[in-house]
Amino acid sequence: MNGQPNARRAAYAYGLRAETAATLWLRARLYQILARNFRAHGGEIDIIAKRGRTIVFVEVKARADLENAAIAITPQKHRRFSQAVGRWLAANPGAMNYTLRADAIFVAPRRLPRHLENAFELRVG
């Protein structure tokens, strides 16, 4: 199937645009972006940001509509996300002095992003 690699590339590009939109959304709300696309064995964090004494680990989901984006974060994704957060915290131990939060930003075409604070519980350490 020749179209499959093109579809995969298009989905990847769409995801990157969604992450860029989410980053801009956070910056507009005075978050400082610490990292994007942090990858660790077992998981990935799309955006790590800080505002005041809070560090947020953000999962970005882009779908055709916001409702489908919201249901795309599965229990398996929670587990892998928390594993990646644990690895990031191990490399950045000073972050433990901050309030830590797992947020989600849902992105859909022609809609403002939806930022859900405390989208799920972090299970680290």
PDB file of N, CA and C in Angstrom:
ATOM      1  N   MET A   1       0.829  -1.179   0.000  1.00  0.00           N
ATOM      2  CA  MET A   1       0.000   0.000   0.000  1.00  0.00           C
ATOM      3  C   MET A   1       0.873   1.242   0.000  1.00  0.00           C
ATOM      4  N   ASN A   2       0.842   1.941  -1.071  1.00  0.00           N
ATOM      5  CA  ASN A   2       1.666   3.125  -1.209  1.00  0.00           C
ATOM      6  C   ASN A   2       1.169   4.302  -0.394  1.00  0.00           C
ATOM      7  N   GLY A   3      -0.117   4.399  -0.132  1.00  0.00           N
ATOM      8  CA  GLY A   3      -0.671   5.541   0.576  1.00  0.00           C
ATOM      9  C   GLY A   3      -0.413   5.527   2.073  1.00  0.00           C
ATOM     10  N   GLN A   4      -0.099   4.362   2.643  1.00  0.00           N
ATOM     11  CA  GLN A   4       0.064   4.269   4.093  1.00  0.00           C
ATOM     12  C   GLN A   4       1.216   5.131   4.627  1.00  0.00           C
ATOM     13  N   PRO A   5       2.410   5.104   4.035  1.00  0.00           N
ATOM     14  CA  PRO A   5       3.467   5.991   4.540  1.00  0.00           C
ATOM     15  C   PRO A   5       3.077   7.465   4.450  1.00  0.00           C
ATOM     16  N   ASN A   6       2.368   7.858   3.391  1.00  0.00           N
ATOM     17  CA  ASN A   6       1.925   9.247   3.263  1.00  0.00           C
ATOM     18  C   ASN A   6       0.906   9.590   4.346  1.00  0.00           C
ATOM     19  N   ALA A   7       0.009   8.681   4.655  1.00  0.00           N
ATOM     20  CA  ALA A   7      -0.983   8.916   5.710  1.00  0.00           C
ATOM     21  C   ALA A   7      -0.284   9.041   7.063  1.00  0.00           C
ATOM     22  N   ARG A   8       0.710   8.220   7.284  1.00  0.00           N
ATOM     23  CA  ARG A   8       1.453   8.276   8.547  1.00  0.00           C
ATOM     24  C   ARG A   8       2.199   9.604   8.671  1.00  0.00           C
ATOM     25  N   ARG A   9       2.817  10.039   7.579  1.00  0.00           N
ATOM     26  CA  ARG A   9       3.513  11.334   7.581  1.00  0.00           C
ATOM     27  C   ARG A   9       2.535  12.482   7.814  1.00  0.00           C
ATOM     28  N   ALA A  10       1.380  12.408   7.188  1.00  0.00           N
ATOM     29  CA  ALA A  10       0.366  13.460   7.356  1.00  0.00           C
ATOM     30  C   ALA A  10      -0.125  13.505   8.796  1.00  0.00           C
ATOM     31  N   ALA A  11      -0.340  12.343   9.413  1.00  0.00           N
ATOM     32  CA  ALA A  11      -0.790  12.294  10.810  1.00  0.00           C
ATOM     33  C   ALA A  11       0.289  12.853  11.732  1.00  0.00           C
ATOM     34  N   TYR A  12       1.542  12.531  11.456  1.00  0.00           N
ATOM     35  CA  TYR A  12       2.650  13.046  12.249  1.00  0.00           C
ATOM     36  C   TYR A  12       2.724  14.572  12.142  1.00  0.00           C
ATOM     37  N   ALA A  13       2.605  15.090  10.920  1.00  0.00           N
ATOM     38  CA  ALA A  13       2.650  16.538  10.704  1.00  0.00           C
ATOM     39  C   ALA A  13       1.476  17.223  11.396  1.00  0.00           C
ATOM     40  N   TYR A  14       0.301  16.607  11.347  1.00  0.00           N
ATOM     41  CA  TYR A  14      -0.882  17.154  12.022  1.00  0.00           C
ATOM     42  C   TYR A  14      -0.641  17.211  13.526  1.00  0.00           C
ATOM     43  N   GLY A  15      -0.045  16.167  14.084  1.00  0.00           N
ATOM     44  CA  GLY A  15       0.271  16.137  15.500  1.00  0.00           C
ATOM     45  C   GLY A  15       1.269  17.221  15.886  1.00  0.00           C
ATOM     46  N   LEU A  16       2.276  17.442  15.052  1.00  0.00           N
ATOM     47  CA  LEU A  16       3.255  18.500  15.336  1.00  0.00           C
ATOM     48  C   LEU A  16       2.606  19.876  15.302  1.00  0.00           C
ATOM     49  N   ARG A  17       1.696  20.090  14.348  1.00  0.00           N
ATOM     50  CA  ARG A  17       0.984  21.377  14.297  1.00  0.00           C
ATOM     51  C   ARG A  17       0.124  21.555  15.540  1.00  0.00           C
ATOM     52  N   ALA A  18      -0.497  20.484  16.005  1.00  0.00           N
ATOM     53  CA  ALA A  18      -1.318  20.554  17.214  1.00  0.00           C
ATOM     54  C   ALA A  18      -0.445  20.883  18.425  1.00  0.00           C
ATOM     55  N   GLU A  19       0.721  20.279  18.516  1.00  0.00           N
ATOM     56  CA  GLU A  19       1.634  20.568  19.624  1.00  0.00           C
ATOM     57  C   GLU A  19       2.118  22.015  19.570  1.00  0.00           C
ATOM     58  N   THR A  20       2.350  22.527  18.373  1.00  0.00           N
ATOM     59  CA  THR A  20       2.741  23.930  18.234  1.00  0.00           C
ATOM     60  C   THR A  20       1.604  24.833  18.684  1.00  0.00           C
ATOM     61  N   ALA A  21       0.372  24.517  18.293  1.00  0.00           N
ATOM     62  CA  ALA A  21      -0.786  25.310  18.733  1.00  0.00           C
ATOM     63  C   ALA A  21      -0.918  25.264  20.248  1.00  0.00           C
ATOM     64  N   ALA A  22      -0.714  24.090  20.841  1.00  0.00           N
ATOM     65  CA  ALA A  22      -0.797  23.954  22.295  1.00  0.00           C
ATOM     66  C   ALA A  22       0.303  24.758  22.981  1.00  0.00           C
ATOM     67  N   THR A  23       1.495  24.757  22.410  1.00  0.00           N
ATOM     68  CA  THR A  23       2.605  25.535  22.963  1.00  0.00           C
ATOM     69  C   THR A  23       2.276  27.025  22.937  1.00  0.00           C
ATOM     70  N   LEU A  24       1.737  27.493  21.831  1.00  0.00           N
ATOM     71  CA  LEU A  24       1.354  28.904  21.723  1.00  0.00           C
ATOM     72  C   LEU A  24       0.247  29.241  22.723  1.00  0.00           C
ATOM     73  N   TRP A  25      -0.696  28.329  22.895  1.00  0.00           N
ATOM     74  CA  TRP A  25      -1.781  28.505  23.853  1.00  0.00           C
ATOM     75  C   TRP A  25      -1.214  28.682  25.266  1.00  0.00           C
ATOM     76  N   LEU A  26      -0.271  27.825  25.628  1.00  0.00           N
ATOM     77  CA  LEU A  26       0.337  27.911  26.952  1.00  0.00           C
ATOM     78  C   LEU A  26       1.143  29.203  27.119  1.00  0.00           C
ATOM     79  N   ARG A  27       1.917  29.543  26.112  1.00  0.00           N
ATOM     80  CA  ARG A  27       2.708  30.780  26.193  1.00  0.00           C
ATOM     81  C   ARG A  27       1.809  31.999  26.365  1.00  0.00           C
ATOM     82  N   ALA A  28       0.669  32.007  25.688  1.00  0.00           N
ATOM     83  CA  ALA A  28      -0.277  33.118  25.815  1.00  0.00           C
ATOM     84  C   ALA A  28      -0.826  33.210  27.236  1.00  0.00           C
ATOM     85  N   ARG A  29      -0.781  32.101  27.961  1.00  0.00           N
ATOM     86  CA  ARG A  29      -1.235  32.065  29.346  1.00  0.00           C
ATOM     87  C   ARG A  29      -0.068  32.133  30.331  1.00  0.00           C
ATOM     88  N   LEU A  30       1.053  32.637  29.823  1.00  0.00           N
ATOM     89  CA  LEU A  30       2.245  32.938  30.621  1.00  0.00           C
ATOM     90  C   LEU A  30       2.962  31.717  31.186  1.00  0.00           C
ATOM     91  N   TYR A  31       2.843  30.591  30.509  1.00  0.00           N
ATOM     92  CA  TYR A  31       3.650  29.425  30.861  1.00  0.00           C
ATOM     93  C   TYR A  31       4.990  29.546  30.139  1.00  0.00           C
ATOM     94  N   GLN A  32       6.039  29.120  30.814  1.00  0.00           N
ATOM     95  CA  GLN A  32       7.366  29.022  30.211  1.00  0.00           C
ATOM     96  C   GLN A  32       7.525  27.587  29.728  1.00  0.00           C
ATOM     97  N   ILE A  33       7.874  27.403  28.486  1.00  0.00           N
ATOM     98  CA  ILE A  33       8.041  26.055  27.935  1.00  0.00           C
ATOM     99  C   ILE A  33       9.441  25.561  28.304  1.00  0.00           C
ATOM    100  N   LEU A  34       9.481  24.443  29.029  1.00  0.00           N
ATOM    101  CA  LEU A  34      10.754  23.860  29.444  1.00  0.00           C
ATOM    102  C   LEU A  34      11.258  22.828  28.444  1.00  0.00           C
ATOM    103  N   ALA A  35      10.331  22.086  27.837  1.00  0.00           N
ATOM    104  CA  ALA A  35      10.727  21.042  26.881  1.00  0.00           C
ATOM    105  C   ALA A  35       9.533  20.661  26.023  1.00  0.00           C
ATOM    106  N   ARG A  36       9.854  20.161  24.849  1.00  0.00           N
ATOM    107  CA  ARG A  36       8.839  19.589  23.957  1.00  0.00           C
ATOM    108  C   ARG A  36       9.308  18.214  23.524  1.00  0.00           C
ATOM    109  N   ASN A  37       8.352  17.318  23.385  1.00  0.00           N
ATOM    110  CA  ASN A  37       8.624  15.966  22.886  1.00  0.00           C
ATOM    111  C   ASN A  37       9.719  15.265  23.674  1.00  0.00           C
ATOM    112  N   PHE A  38       9.596  15.289  24.989  1.00  0.00           N
ATOM    113  CA  PHE A  38      10.541  14.572  25.841  1.00  0.00           C
ATOM    114  C   PHE A  38      10.239  13.084  25.731  1.00  0.00           C
ATOM    115  N   ARG A  39      11.232  12.338  25.300  1.00  0.00           N
ATOM    116  CA  ARG A  39      11.069  10.888  25.138  1.00  0.00           C
ATOM    117  C   ARG A  39      11.952  10.167  26.145  1.00  0.00           C
ATOM    118  N   ALA A  40      11.356   9.175  26.762  1.00  0.00           N
ATOM    119  CA  ALA A  40      12.091   8.325  27.692  1.00  0.00           C
ATOM    120  C   ALA A  40      11.624   6.900  27.448  1.00  0.00           C
ATOM    121  N   HIS A  41      12.462   5.960  27.825  1.00  0.00           N
ATOM    122  CA  HIS A  41      12.075   4.562  27.669  1.00  0.00           C
ATOM    123  C   HIS A  41      10.706   4.349  28.301  1.00  0.00           C
ATOM    124  N   GLY A  42       9.766   3.941  27.501  1.00  0.00           N
ATOM    125  CA  GLY A  42       8.442   3.651  28.020  1.00  0.00           C
ATOM    126  C   GLY A  42       7.410   4.734  27.818  1.00  0.00           C
ATOM    127  N   GLY A  43       7.811   5.938  27.379  1.00  0.00           N
ATOM    128  CA  GLY A  43       6.789   6.955  27.211  1.00  0.00           C
ATOM    129  C   GLY A  43       7.317   8.259  26.655  1.00  0.00           C
ATOM    130  N   GLU A  44       6.390   9.202  26.493  1.00  0.00           N
ATOM    131  CA  GLU A  44       6.710  10.504  25.923  1.00  0.00           C
ATOM    132  C   GLU A  44       5.839  11.570  26.582  1.00  0.00           C
ATOM    133  N   ILE A  45       6.398  12.763  26.720  1.00  0.00           N
ATOM    134  CA  ILE A  45       5.659  13.920  27.211  1.00  0.00           C
ATOM    135  C   ILE A  45       5.700  14.957  26.087  1.00  0.00           C
ATOM    136  N   ASP A  46       4.536  15.404  25.644  1.00  0.00           N
ATOM    137  CA  ASP A  46       4.492  16.344  24.530  1.00  0.00           C
ATOM    138  C   ASP A  46       5.073  17.704  24.901  1.00  0.00           C
ATOM    139  N   ILE A  47       4.664  18.248  26.054  1.00  0.00           N
ATOM    140  CA  ILE A  47       5.136  19.564  26.481  1.00  0.00           C
ATOM    141  C   ILE A  47       5.356  19.540  27.991  1.00  0.00           C
ATOM    142  N   ILE A  48       6.452  20.136  28.419  1.00  0.00           N
ATOM    143  CA  ILE A  48       6.695  20.365  29.840  1.00  0.00           C
ATOM    144  C   ILE A  48       6.799  21.877  29.993  1.00  0.00           C
ATOM    145  N   ALA A  49       5.972  22.428  30.873  1.00  0.00           N
ATOM    146  CA  ALA A  49       5.916  23.880  31.027  1.00  0.00           C
ATOM    147  C   ALA A  49       5.875  24.247  32.503  1.00  0.00           C
ATOM    148  N   LYS A  50       6.184  25.511  32.778  1.00  0.00           N
ATOM    149  CA  LYS A  50       6.206  25.991  34.157  1.00  0.00           C
ATOM    150  C   LYS A  50       5.512  27.338  34.216  1.00  0.00           C
ATOM    151  N   ARG A  51       4.734  27.520  35.271  1.00  0.00           N
ATOM    152  CA  ARG A  51       4.154  28.831  35.577  1.00  0.00           C
ATOM    153  C   ARG A  51       4.143  28.961  37.091  1.00  0.00           C
ATOM    154  N   GLY A  52       4.810  29.986  37.559  1.00  0.00           N
ATOM    155  CA  GLY A  52       4.903  30.162  39.004  1.00  0.00           C
ATOM    156  C   GLY A  52       5.615  28.979  39.637  1.00  0.00           C
ATOM    157  N   ARG A  53       4.991  28.381  40.634  1.00  0.00           N
ATOM    158  CA  ARG A  53       5.582  27.241  41.352  1.00  0.00           C
ATOM    159  C   ARG A  53       4.992  25.917  40.883  1.00  0.00           C
ATOM    160  N   THR A  54       4.449  25.899  39.662  1.00  0.00           N
ATOM    161  CA  THR A  54       3.830  24.681  39.123  1.00  0.00           C
ATOM    162  C   THR A  54       4.521  24.264  37.833  1.00  0.00           C
ATOM    163  N   ILE A  55       4.860  22.994  37.762  1.00  0.00           N
ATOM    164  CA  ILE A  55       5.355  22.401  36.520  1.00  0.00           C
ATOM    165  C   ILE A  55       4.252  21.493  35.998  1.00  0.00           C
ATOM    166  N   VAL A  56       3.910  21.700  34.726  1.00  0.00           N
ATOM    167  CA  VAL A  56       2.860  20.895  34.114  1.00  0.00           C
ATOM    168  C   VAL A  56       3.454  20.023  33.016  1.00  0.00           C
ATOM    169  N   PHE A  57       2.993  18.802  32.995  1.00  0.00           N
ATOM    170  CA  PHE A  57       3.362  17.827  31.979  1.00  0.00           C
ATOM    171  C   PHE A  57       2.111  17.678  31.116  1.00  0.00           C
ATOM    172  N   VAL A  58       2.238  18.009  29.842  1.00  0.00           N
ATOM    173  CA  VAL A  58       1.061  18.154  28.992  1.00  0.00           C
ATOM    174  C   VAL A  58       1.016  17.078  27.910  1.00  0.00           C
ATOM    175  N   GLU A  59      -0.121  16.427  27.829  1.00  0.00           N
ATOM    176  CA  GLU A  59      -0.425  15.509  26.737  1.00  0.00           C
ATOM    177  C   GLU A  59      -1.301  16.266  25.748  1.00  0.00           C
ATOM    178  N   VAL A  60      -0.890  16.296  24.490  1.00  0.00           N
ATOM    179  CA  VAL A  60      -1.656  16.975  23.444  1.00  0.00           C
ATOM    180  C   VAL A  60      -2.322  15.914  22.586  1.00  0.00           C
ATOM    181  N   LYS A  61      -3.615  16.070  22.363  1.00  0.00           N
ATOM    182  CA  LYS A  61      -4.355  15.150  21.496  1.00  0.00           C
ATOM    183  C   LYS A  61      -5.081  15.955  20.434  1.00  0.00           C
ATOM    184  N   ALA A  62      -4.862  15.606  19.190  1.00  0.00           N
ATOM    185  CA  ALA A  62      -5.512  16.262  18.065  1.00  0.00           C
ATOM    186  C   ALA A  62      -6.408  15.260  17.349  1.00  0.00           C
ATOM    187  N   ARG A  63      -7.644  15.635  17.188  1.00  0.00           N
ATOM    188  CA  ARG A  63      -8.609  14.790  16.497  1.00  0.00           C
ATOM    189  C   ARG A  63      -9.535  15.685  15.690  1.00  0.00           C
ATOM    190  N   ALA A  64     -10.451  15.076  14.971  1.00  0.00           N
ATOM    191  CA  ALA A  64     -11.386  15.826  14.142  1.00  0.00           C
ATOM    192  C   ALA A  64     -12.303  16.713  14.981  1.00  0.00           C
ATOM    193  N   ASP A  65     -12.594  16.289  16.211  1.00  0.00           N
ATOM    194  CA  ASP A  65     -13.389  17.125  17.113  1.00  0.00           C
ATOM    195  C   ASP A  65     -12.845  16.980  18.533  1.00  0.00           C
ATOM    196  N   LEU A  66     -13.185  17.927  19.378  1.00  0.00           N
ATOM    197  CA  LEU A  66     -12.623  17.959  20.731  1.00  0.00           C
ATOM    198  C   LEU A  66     -13.044  16.767  21.577  1.00  0.00           C
ATOM    199  N   GLU A  67     -14.251  16.260  21.378  1.00  0.00           N
ATOM    200  CA  GLU A  67     -14.718  15.122  22.167  1.00  0.00           C
ATOM    201  C   GLU A  67     -13.889  13.875  21.880  1.00  0.00           C
ATOM    202  N   ASN A  68     -13.599  13.617  20.609  1.00  0.00           N
ATOM    203  CA  ASN A  68     -12.762  12.464  20.264  1.00  0.00           C
ATOM    204  C   ASN A  68     -11.333  12.647  20.758  1.00  0.00           C
ATOM    205  N   ALA A  69     -10.859  13.872  20.790  1.00  0.00           N
ATOM    206  CA  ALA A  69      -9.527  14.125  21.328  1.00  0.00           C
ATOM    207  C   ALA A  69      -9.492  13.778  22.814  1.00  0.00           C
ATOM    208  N   ALA A  70     -10.543  14.144  23.523  1.00  0.00           N
ATOM    209  CA  ALA A  70     -10.572  13.913  24.967  1.00  0.00           C
ATOM    210  C   ALA A  70     -10.578  12.433  25.324  1.00  0.00           C
ATOM    211  N   ILE A  71     -11.252  11.611  24.542  1.00  0.00           N
ATOM    212  CA  ILE A  71     -11.320  10.181  24.876  1.00  0.00           C
ATOM    213  C   ILE A  71     -10.113   9.393  24.371  1.00  0.00           C
ATOM    214  N   ALA A  72      -9.192  10.078  23.691  1.00  0.00           N
ATOM    215  CA  ALA A  72      -8.025   9.393  23.129  1.00  0.00           C
ATOM    216  C   ALA A  72      -6.938   9.119  24.161  1.00  0.00           C
ATOM    217  N   ILE A  73      -7.078   9.628  25.371  1.00  0.00           N
ATOM    218  CA  ILE A  73      -6.076   9.364  26.409  1.00  0.00           C
ATOM    219  C   ILE A  73      -6.524   8.140  27.193  1.00  0.00           C
ATOM    220  N   THR A  74      -5.892   7.033  26.914  1.00  0.00           N
ATOM    221  CA  THR A  74      -6.268   5.743  27.480  1.00  0.00           C
ATOM    222  C   THR A  74      -5.521   5.475  28.784  1.00  0.00           C
ATOM    223  N   PRO A  75      -5.964   4.489  29.562  1.00  0.00           N
ATOM    224  CA  PRO A  75      -5.204   4.104  30.770  1.00  0.00           C
ATOM    225  C   PRO A  75      -3.758   3.715  30.449  1.00  0.00           C
ATOM    226  N   GLN A  76      -3.535   3.056  29.331  1.00  0.00           N
ATOM    227  CA  GLN A  76      -2.166   2.701  28.940  1.00  0.00           C
ATOM    228  C   GLN A  76      -1.351   3.972  28.706  1.00  0.00           C
ATOM    229  N   LYS A  77      -1.957   4.984  28.085  1.00  0.00           N
ATOM    230  CA  LYS A  77      -1.267   6.254  27.852  1.00  0.00           C
ATOM    231  C   LYS A  77      -0.930   6.914  29.185  1.00  0.00           C
ATOM    232  N   HIS A  78      -1.852   6.870  30.157  1.00  0.00           N
ATOM    233  CA  HIS A  78      -1.578   7.419  31.497  1.00  0.00           C
ATOM    234  C   HIS A  78      -0.333   6.774  32.082  1.00  0.00           C
ATOM    235  N   ARG A  79      -0.258   5.452  32.004  1.00  0.00           N
ATOM    236  CA  ARG A  79       0.849   4.697  32.574  1.00  0.00           C
ATOM    237  C   ARG A  79       2.175   5.092  31.915  1.00  0.00           C
ATOM    238  N   ARG A  80       2.196   5.119  30.607  1.00  0.00           N
ATOM    239  CA  ARG A  80       3.422   5.436  29.881  1.00  0.00           C
ATOM    240  C   ARG A  80       3.835   6.888  30.097  1.00  0.00           C
ATOM    241  N   PHE A  81       2.852   7.768  30.167  1.00  0.00           N
ATOM    242  CA  PHE A  81       3.105   9.181  30.422  1.00  0.00           C
ATOM    243  C   PHE A  81       3.748   9.346  31.795  1.00  0.00           C
ATOM    244  N   SER A  82       3.186   8.688  32.803  1.00  0.00           N
ATOM    245  CA  SER A  82       3.734   8.768  34.165  1.00  0.00           C
ATOM    246  C   SER A  82       5.152   8.212  34.224  1.00  0.00           C
ATOM    247  N   GLN A  83       5.431   7.155  33.466  1.00  0.00           N
ATOM    248  CA  GLN A  83       6.796   6.619  33.415  1.00  0.00           C
ATOM    249  C   GLN A  83       7.766   7.668  32.877  1.00  0.00           C
ATOM    250  N   ALA A  84       7.349   8.365  31.815  1.00  0.00           N
ATOM    251  CA  ALA A  84       8.205   9.399  31.236  1.00  0.00           C
ATOM    252  C   ALA A  84       8.397  10.557  32.217  1.00  0.00           C
ATOM    253  N   VAL A  85       7.339  10.921  32.942  1.00  0.00           N
ATOM    254  CA  VAL A  85       7.456  11.978  33.946  1.00  0.00           C
ATOM    255  C   VAL A  85       8.471  11.562  35.015  1.00  0.00           C
ATOM    256  N   GLY A  86       8.396  10.310  35.454  1.00  0.00           N
ATOM    257  CA  GLY A  86       9.354   9.811  36.432  1.00  0.00           C
ATOM    258  C   GLY A  86      10.786   9.929  35.945  1.00  0.00           C
ATOM    259  N   ARG A  87      11.013   9.619  34.684  1.00  0.00           N
ATOM    260  CA  ARG A  87      12.371   9.731  34.111  1.00  0.00           C
ATOM    261  C   ARG A  87      12.809  11.196  34.047  1.00  0.00           C
ATOM    262  N   TRP A  88      11.887  12.087  33.662  1.00  0.00           N
ATOM    263  CA  TRP A  88      12.235  13.507  33.595  1.00  0.00           C
ATOM    264  C   TRP A  88      12.564  14.038  34.985  1.00  0.00           C
ATOM    265  N   LEU A  89      11.773  13.643  35.974  1.00  0.00           N
ATOM    266  CA  LEU A  89      12.018  14.089  37.350  1.00  0.00           C
ATOM    267  C   LEU A  89      13.348  13.555  37.882  1.00  0.00           C
ATOM    268  N   ALA A  90      13.717  12.340  37.503  1.00  0.00           N
ATOM    269  CA  ALA A  90      15.001  11.782  37.923  1.00  0.00           C
ATOM    270  C   ALA A  90      16.160  12.613  37.372  1.00  0.00           C
ATOM    271  N   ALA A  91      15.980  13.140  36.159  1.00  0.00           N
ATOM    272  CA  ALA A  91      17.016  13.965  35.546  1.00  0.00           C
ATOM    273  C   ALA A  91      16.940  15.421  35.997  1.00  0.00           C
ATOM    274  N   ASN A  92      15.823  15.808  36.610  1.00  0.00           N
ATOM    275  CA  ASN A  92      15.605  17.185  37.059  1.00  0.00           C
ATOM    276  C   ASN A  92      15.082  17.174  38.490  1.00  0.00           C
ATOM    277  N   PRO A  93      15.885  16.719  39.458  1.00  0.00           N
ATOM    278  CA  PRO A  93      15.391  16.537  40.826  1.00  0.00           C
ATOM    279  C   PRO A  93      14.898  17.818  41.491  1.00  0.00           C
ATOM    280  N   GLY A  94      15.385  18.985  41.061  1.00  0.00           N
ATOM    281  CA  GLY A  94      14.916  20.246  41.625  1.00  0.00           C
ATOM    282  C   GLY A  94      13.437  20.491  41.369  1.00  0.00           C
ATOM    283  N   ALA A  95      12.889  19.825  40.376  1.00  0.00           N
ATOM    284  CA  ALA A  95      11.470  19.986  40.048  1.00  0.00           C
ATOM    285  C   ALA A  95      10.567  19.460  41.157  1.00  0.00           C
ATOM    286  N   MET A  96      11.100  18.603  42.010  1.00  0.00           N
ATOM    287  CA  MET A  96      10.288  18.054  43.100  1.00  0.00           C
ATOM    288  C   MET A  96       9.899  19.130  44.113  1.00  0.00           C
ATOM    289  N   ASN A  97      10.528  20.296  44.040  1.00  0.00           N
ATOM    290  CA  ASN A  97      10.174  21.408  44.917  1.00  0.00           C
ATOM    291  C   ASN A  97       8.973  22.199  44.394  1.00  0.00           C
ATOM    292  N   TYR A  98       8.447  21.791  43.250  1.00  0.00           N
ATOM    293  CA  TYR A  98       7.319  22.465  42.614  1.00  0.00           C
ATOM    294  C   TYR A  98       6.060  21.611  42.758  1.00  0.00           C
ATOM    295  N   THR A  99       4.919  22.244  42.566  1.00  0.00           N
ATOM    296  CA  THR A  99       3.683  21.489  42.412  1.00  0.00           C
ATOM    297  C   THR A  99       3.719  20.865  41.030  1.00  0.00           C
ATOM    298  N   LEU A 100       3.428  19.581  40.940  1.00  0.00           N
ATOM    299  CA  LEU A 100       3.462  18.856  39.667  1.00  0.00           C
ATOM    300  C   LEU A 100       2.043  18.527  39.237  1.00  0.00           C
ATOM    301  N   ARG A 101       1.783  18.681  37.944  1.00  0.00           N
ATOM    302  CA  ARG A 101       0.427  18.483  37.454  1.00  0.00           C
ATOM    303  C   ARG A 101       0.469  17.871  36.058  1.00  0.00           C
ATOM    304  N   ALA A 102      -0.494  16.998  35.777  1.00  0.00           N
ATOM    305  CA  ALA A 102      -0.649  16.417  34.439  1.00  0.00           C
ATOM    306  C   ALA A 102      -1.857  17.058  33.778  1.00  0.00           C
ATOM    307  N   ASP A 103      -1.604  17.809  32.715  1.00  0.00           N
ATOM    308  CA  ASP A 103      -2.667  18.480  31.972  1.00  0.00           C
ATOM    309  C   ASP A 103      -2.825  17.835  30.604  1.00  0.00           C
ATOM    310  N   ALA A 104      -3.910  18.162  29.957  1.00  0.00           N
ATOM    311  CA  ALA A 104      -4.128  17.748  28.567  1.00  0.00           C
ATOM    312  C   ALA A 104      -4.611  18.962  27.796  1.00  0.00           C
ATOM    313  N   ILE A 105      -4.203  19.031  26.561  1.00  0.00           N
ATOM    314  CA  ILE A 105      -4.731  20.049  25.653  1.00  0.00           C
ATOM    315  C   ILE A 105      -5.268  19.320  24.438  1.00  0.00           C
ATOM    316  N   PHE A 106      -6.540  19.563  24.162  1.00  0.00           N
ATOM    317  CA  PHE A 106      -7.225  18.925  23.038  1.00  0.00           C
ATOM    318  C   PHE A 106      -7.347  19.935  21.907  1.00  0.00           C
ATOM    319  N   VAL A 107      -6.989  19.482  20.705  1.00  0.00           N
ATOM    320  CA  VAL A 107      -6.959  20.353  19.541  1.00  0.00           C
ATOM    321  C   VAL A 107      -7.820  19.741  18.447  1.00  0.00           C
ATOM    322  N   ALA A 108      -8.639  20.588  17.828  1.00  0.00           N
ATOM    323  CA  ALA A 108      -9.468  20.179  16.697  1.00  0.00           C
ATOM    324  C   ALA A 108      -9.488  21.323  15.690  1.00  0.00           C
ATOM    325  N   PRO A 109      -9.675  21.005  14.417  1.00  0.00           N
ATOM    326  CA  PRO A 109      -9.688  22.064  13.393  1.00  0.00           C
ATOM    327  C   PRO A 109     -10.767  23.110  13.678  1.00  0.00           C
ATOM    328  N   ARG A 110     -10.410  24.355  13.423  1.00  0.00           N
ATOM    329  CA  ARG A 110     -11.325  25.499  13.528  1.00  0.00           C
ATOM    330  C   ARG A 110     -11.950  25.666  14.906  1.00  0.00           C
ATOM    331  N   ARG A 111     -11.254  25.208  15.939  1.00  0.00           N
ATOM    332  CA  ARG A 111     -11.706  25.365  17.326  1.00  0.00           C
ATOM    333  C   ARG A 111     -10.526  25.838  18.155  1.00  0.00           C
ATOM    334  N   LEU A 112     -10.821  26.611  19.188  1.00  0.00           N
ATOM    335  CA  LEU A 112      -9.765  26.958  20.134  1.00  0.00           C
ATOM    336  C   LEU A 112      -9.369  25.699  20.898  1.00  0.00           C
ATOM    337  N   PRO A 113      -8.101  25.574  21.249  1.00  0.00           N
ATOM    338  CA  PRO A 113      -7.704  24.407  22.045  1.00  0.00           C
ATOM    339  C   PRO A 113      -8.454  24.392  23.378  1.00  0.00           C
ATOM    340  N   ARG A 114      -8.670  23.200  23.896  1.00  0.00           N
ATOM    341  CA  ARG A 114      -9.282  23.030  25.216  1.00  0.00           C
ATOM    342  C   ARG A 114      -8.196  22.546  26.162  1.00  0.00           C
ATOM    343  N   HIS A 115      -7.913  23.355  27.186  1.00  0.00           N
ATOM    344  CA  HIS A 115      -6.874  23.029  28.164  1.00  0.00           C
ATOM    345  C   HIS A 115      -7.559  22.486  29.407  1.00  0.00           C
ATOM    346  N   LEU A 116      -7.279  21.246  29.721  1.00  0.00           N
ATOM    347  CA  LEU A 116      -7.852  20.596  30.892  1.00  0.00           C
ATOM    348  C   LEU A 116      -6.748  20.420  31.933  1.00  0.00           C
ATOM    349  N   GLU A 117      -6.816  21.207  33.006  1.00  0.00           N
ATOM    350  CA  GLU A 117      -5.848  21.077  34.087  1.00  0.00           C
ATOM    351  C   GLU A 117      -6.173  19.843  34.908  1.00  0.00           C
ATOM    352  N   ASN A 118      -5.130  19.208  35.462  1.00  0.00           N
ATOM    353  CA  ASN A 118      -5.298  17.978  36.242  1.00  0.00           C
ATOM    354  C   ASN A 118      -6.115  16.936  35.478  1.00  0.00           C
ATOM    355  N   ALA A 119      -5.741  16.736  34.229  1.00  0.00           N
ATOM    356  CA  ALA A 119      -6.476  15.820  33.368  1.00  0.00           C
ATOM    357  C   ALA A 119      -6.431  14.380  33.883  1.00  0.00           C
ATOM    358  N   PHE A 120      -5.338  14.025  34.514  1.00  0.00           N
ATOM    359  CA  PHE A 120      -5.215  12.691  35.119  1.00  0.00           C
ATOM    360  C   PHE A 120      -4.140  12.734  36.186  1.00  0.00           C
ATOM    361  N   GLU A 121      -4.144  11.718  36.997  1.00  0.00           N
ATOM    362  CA  GLU A 121      -3.217  11.637  38.127  1.00  0.00           C
ATOM    363  C   GLU A 121      -1.839  11.180  37.665  1.00  0.00           C
ATOM    364  N   LEU A 122      -0.815  11.851  38.175  1.00  0.00           N
ATOM    365  CA  LEU A 122       0.554  11.402  37.939  1.00  0.00           C
ATOM    366  C   LEU A 122       0.895  10.309  38.933  1.00  0.00           C
ATOM    367  N   ARG A 123       1.441   9.226  38.451  1.00  0.00           N
ATOM    368  CA  ARG A 123       1.880   8.140  39.333  1.00  0.00           C
ATOM    369  C   ARG A 123       3.376   7.970  39.136  1.00  0.00           C
ATOM    370  N   VAL A 124       4.139   8.691  39.941  1.00  0.00           N
ATOM    371  CA  VAL A 124       5.593   8.636  39.823  1.00  0.00           C
ATOM    372  C   VAL A 124       6.215   8.249  41.147  1.00  0.00           C
ATOM    373  N   GLY A 125       7.413   7.671  41.036  1.00  0.00           N
ATOM    374  CA  GLY A 125       8.228   7.371  42.196  1.00  0.00           C
ATOM    375  C   GLY A 125       7.678   6.341  43.078  1.00  0.00           C
TER     376      GLY A 125
END
